[in-house]
N, C-alpha and C. Protein backbone atom coordinates (compact mmCIF):
# COMPACT_ATOMS: atom_id res chain seq x y z
N UNK A 1 -62.66 84.67 -154.14
CA UNK A 1 -61.40 84.88 -153.88
C UNK A 1 -60.53 83.80 -154.39
N UNK A 2 -61.05 82.49 -154.08
CA UNK A 2 -60.13 81.45 -154.33
C UNK A 2 -60.12 81.03 -155.68
N UNK A 3 -61.33 81.01 -156.36
CA UNK A 3 -61.41 80.29 -157.62
C UNK A 3 -61.07 81.15 -159.05
N UNK A 4 -61.32 82.24 -158.79
CA UNK A 4 -61.26 82.99 -160.08
C UNK A 4 -60.28 84.46 -159.93
N UNK A 5 -59.66 84.88 -160.88
CA UNK A 5 -58.84 86.18 -160.89
C UNK A 5 -59.91 87.23 -160.71
N UNK A 6 -59.94 88.22 -159.81
CA UNK A 6 -60.90 89.06 -159.73
C UNK A 6 -60.32 90.54 -159.13
N UNK A 7 -61.10 91.40 -159.15
CA UNK A 7 -60.68 92.80 -158.45
C UNK A 7 -61.60 92.49 -157.06
N UNK A 8 -60.94 92.74 -156.04
CA UNK A 8 -61.46 92.60 -154.59
C UNK A 8 -61.55 94.13 -154.02
N UNK A 9 -62.64 94.69 -153.85
CA UNK A 9 -62.51 96.01 -153.32
C UNK A 9 -63.74 96.25 -152.48
N UNK A 10 -63.65 97.14 -151.51
CA UNK A 10 -64.89 97.51 -150.67
C UNK A 10 -65.18 99.12 -151.14
N UNK A 11 -66.42 99.22 -151.34
CA UNK A 11 -66.76 100.68 -151.64
C UNK A 11 -67.69 101.17 -150.56
N UNK A 12 -67.61 102.33 -149.97
CA UNK A 12 -68.28 102.76 -149.03
C UNK A 12 -68.71 104.30 -149.36
N UNK A 13 -69.66 104.85 -148.61
CA UNK A 13 -70.13 106.19 -148.91
C UNK A 13 -69.08 107.17 -149.02
N UNK A 14 -68.17 107.02 -148.09
CA UNK A 14 -66.92 107.99 -148.24
C UNK A 14 -66.23 108.18 -149.49
N UNK A 15 -66.25 106.97 -150.24
CA UNK A 15 -65.83 106.91 -151.60
C UNK A 15 -66.36 107.93 -152.70
N UNK A 16 -67.53 108.27 -152.47
CA UNK A 16 -68.24 109.04 -153.44
C UNK A 16 -67.37 110.37 -153.84
N UNK A 17 -66.71 110.83 -153.04
CA UNK A 17 -65.88 111.98 -153.37
C UNK A 17 -64.73 111.65 -154.42
N UNK A 18 -64.55 110.37 -154.42
CA UNK A 18 -63.36 110.03 -155.62
C UNK A 18 -64.04 109.39 -156.84
N UNK A 19 -65.23 109.38 -156.82
CA UNK A 19 -65.90 108.62 -157.80
C UNK A 19 -65.52 108.95 -159.24
N UNK A 20 -65.30 110.26 -159.62
CA UNK A 20 -64.85 110.81 -160.90
C UNK A 20 -63.51 110.27 -161.28
N UNK A 21 -62.37 110.48 -160.45
CA UNK A 21 -61.19 110.01 -160.80
C UNK A 21 -60.81 108.59 -160.85
N UNK A 22 -61.76 107.81 -160.25
CA UNK A 22 -61.47 106.07 -160.05
C UNK A 22 -61.32 105.50 -161.24
N UNK A 23 -62.28 105.39 -162.40
CA UNK A 23 -61.83 104.86 -163.50
C UNK A 23 -60.46 105.00 -164.17
N UNK A 24 -60.00 106.27 -164.11
CA UNK A 24 -58.50 106.64 -164.75
C UNK A 24 -57.55 106.01 -163.92
N UNK A 25 -57.66 106.11 -162.59
CA UNK A 25 -56.79 105.82 -161.61
C UNK A 25 -56.71 104.07 -161.70
N UNK A 26 -57.94 103.48 -161.95
CA UNK A 26 -57.95 101.99 -162.01
C UNK A 26 -57.25 101.66 -163.16
N UNK A 27 -57.30 102.30 -164.20
CA UNK A 27 -56.76 101.88 -165.59
C UNK A 27 -55.23 102.04 -165.41
N UNK A 28 -54.69 103.06 -164.70
CA UNK A 28 -53.40 103.25 -164.43
C UNK A 28 -52.61 102.18 -163.53
N UNK A 29 -53.42 102.06 -162.51
CA UNK A 29 -53.02 100.82 -161.68
C UNK A 29 -52.91 99.47 -162.29
N UNK A 30 -54.15 99.01 -163.02
CA UNK A 30 -53.98 97.69 -163.68
C UNK A 30 -52.98 97.70 -164.78
N UNK A 31 -52.70 98.53 -165.48
CA UNK A 31 -51.54 98.62 -166.36
C UNK A 31 -50.10 98.34 -165.76
N UNK A 32 -50.10 99.05 -164.50
CA UNK A 32 -48.82 98.71 -163.98
C UNK A 32 -48.59 97.37 -163.26
N UNK A 33 -49.76 96.93 -162.66
CA UNK A 33 -49.75 95.57 -162.20
C UNK A 33 -49.51 94.37 -163.32
N UNK A 34 -50.04 94.74 -164.47
CA UNK A 34 -49.83 93.87 -165.61
C UNK A 34 -48.46 93.58 -166.05
N UNK A 35 -47.68 94.54 -165.79
CA UNK A 35 -46.33 94.66 -166.20
C UNK A 35 -45.46 93.84 -165.16
N UNK A 36 -46.03 93.47 -163.95
CA UNK A 36 -45.24 92.83 -163.03
C UNK A 36 -44.85 91.33 -163.32
N UNK A 37 -43.79 91.01 -162.75
CA UNK A 37 -43.30 89.59 -163.03
C UNK A 37 -43.83 88.87 -161.71
N UNK A 38 -44.09 87.66 -161.63
CA UNK A 38 -44.56 86.91 -160.52
C UNK A 38 -43.66 86.96 -159.28
N UNK A 39 -42.35 87.00 -159.66
CA UNK A 39 -41.51 86.98 -158.47
C UNK A 39 -41.27 88.27 -157.73
N UNK A 40 -41.93 89.31 -158.43
CA UNK A 40 -41.88 90.69 -157.92
C UNK A 40 -43.01 91.00 -157.07
N UNK A 41 -43.93 90.01 -156.89
CA UNK A 41 -45.24 90.38 -156.20
C UNK A 41 -44.90 89.71 -154.78
N UNK A 42 -45.37 90.96 -153.79
CA UNK A 42 -45.14 90.60 -152.35
C UNK A 42 -46.36 91.15 -151.76
N UNK A 43 -46.26 90.99 -150.41
CA UNK A 43 -47.19 91.37 -149.43
C UNK A 43 -48.65 90.69 -149.63
N UNK A 44 -49.66 91.39 -149.46
CA UNK A 44 -51.08 90.84 -149.57
C UNK A 44 -51.40 90.31 -151.02
N UNK A 45 -50.57 90.92 -151.90
CA UNK A 45 -50.94 90.47 -153.22
C UNK A 45 -50.69 88.81 -153.35
N UNK A 46 -49.60 88.47 -152.61
CA UNK A 46 -49.07 87.06 -152.62
C UNK A 46 -50.21 86.13 -152.01
N UNK A 47 -50.82 86.80 -150.85
CA UNK A 47 -51.92 86.14 -150.15
C UNK A 47 -52.99 85.74 -151.11
N UNK A 48 -53.41 86.73 -151.86
CA UNK A 48 -54.48 86.46 -152.64
C UNK A 48 -54.23 85.45 -153.91
N UNK A 49 -52.89 85.46 -154.23
CA UNK A 49 -52.41 84.42 -155.32
C UNK A 49 -52.36 83.04 -154.74
N UNK A 50 -51.83 82.94 -153.58
CA UNK A 50 -51.84 81.75 -152.88
C UNK A 50 -53.10 81.12 -152.73
N UNK A 51 -54.05 81.84 -152.28
CA UNK A 51 -55.43 81.53 -152.03
C UNK A 51 -56.15 81.09 -153.29
N UNK A 52 -55.69 81.65 -154.38
CA UNK A 52 -56.20 81.17 -155.57
C UNK A 52 -55.74 79.83 -156.13
N UNK A 53 -54.48 79.30 -155.66
CA UNK A 53 -53.89 78.17 -156.02
C UNK A 53 -54.30 76.88 -155.24
N UNK A 54 -54.86 77.08 -153.97
CA UNK A 54 -55.01 76.02 -153.03
C UNK A 54 -56.13 75.16 -153.76
N UNK A 55 -55.91 73.88 -153.68
CA UNK A 55 -56.69 72.86 -154.34
C UNK A 55 -58.09 72.64 -153.40
N UNK A 56 -58.01 73.05 -152.23
CA UNK A 56 -59.00 72.46 -151.31
C UNK A 56 -59.57 73.80 -150.71
N UNK A 57 -61.01 74.12 -151.16
CA UNK A 57 -61.59 75.25 -150.48
C UNK A 57 -61.62 75.35 -148.90
N UNK A 58 -61.64 74.06 -148.44
CA UNK A 58 -61.58 74.00 -146.83
C UNK A 58 -60.21 74.64 -146.29
N UNK A 59 -59.22 74.31 -147.10
CA UNK A 59 -57.81 74.98 -146.63
C UNK A 59 -57.80 76.56 -146.75
N UNK A 60 -58.59 76.93 -147.70
CA UNK A 60 -58.55 78.44 -147.90
C UNK A 60 -59.38 79.16 -146.82
N UNK A 61 -60.41 78.30 -146.54
CA UNK A 61 -61.26 78.99 -145.28
C UNK A 61 -60.76 78.87 -144.10
N UNK A 62 -59.81 77.87 -143.80
CA UNK A 62 -59.11 77.77 -142.60
C UNK A 62 -57.94 78.79 -142.54
N UNK A 63 -57.46 78.95 -143.70
CA UNK A 63 -56.27 79.80 -143.57
C UNK A 63 -56.80 81.41 -143.51
N UNK A 64 -57.76 81.71 -144.21
CA UNK A 64 -58.53 82.97 -143.98
C UNK A 64 -58.89 83.17 -142.59
N UNK A 65 -59.52 82.35 -142.01
CA UNK A 65 -60.03 82.34 -140.56
C UNK A 65 -58.77 82.71 -139.69
N UNK A 66 -57.75 81.99 -139.80
CA UNK A 66 -56.55 82.15 -138.85
C UNK A 66 -55.98 83.38 -139.10
N UNK A 67 -55.74 83.84 -140.52
CA UNK A 67 -55.36 85.12 -140.84
C UNK A 67 -56.09 86.40 -140.18
N UNK A 68 -57.45 86.24 -140.32
CA UNK A 68 -58.23 87.30 -139.70
C UNK A 68 -58.07 87.28 -137.94
N UNK A 69 -57.99 86.04 -137.51
CA UNK A 69 -57.83 85.85 -135.94
C UNK A 69 -56.42 86.67 -135.65
N UNK A 70 -55.51 86.25 -136.40
CA UNK A 70 -54.07 86.79 -136.10
C UNK A 70 -54.09 88.19 -136.24
N UNK A 71 -54.72 88.90 -137.23
CA UNK A 71 -54.68 90.32 -137.44
C UNK A 71 -55.43 91.06 -136.47
N UNK A 72 -56.37 90.60 -135.81
CA UNK A 72 -57.29 91.17 -134.80
C UNK A 72 -56.92 90.82 -133.49
N UNK A 73 -55.86 89.93 -133.12
CA UNK A 73 -55.72 89.50 -131.85
C UNK A 73 -55.14 90.68 -131.05
N UNK A 74 -55.56 90.81 -129.79
CA UNK A 74 -55.17 91.75 -128.91
C UNK A 74 -54.01 91.39 -128.08
N UNK A 75 -52.93 92.14 -128.38
CA UNK A 75 -51.69 91.76 -127.50
C UNK A 75 -51.58 92.55 -126.21
């Protein structure tokens, strides 16, 4: 996630029912993303972009660990 631009996804058995339409949907989605300007990208997309630009892998690990801890914190 930190060093290269990549597609990050999780595939589970439940996804088998959408296997046929997936390639066409992926082409449409990537074409839309390719048209975005950097300043228009928000939410989790910015998280992945920032992780890719961190100069120190240790920073990326610490950031990801804290993010997951915060995400699953019981209130």
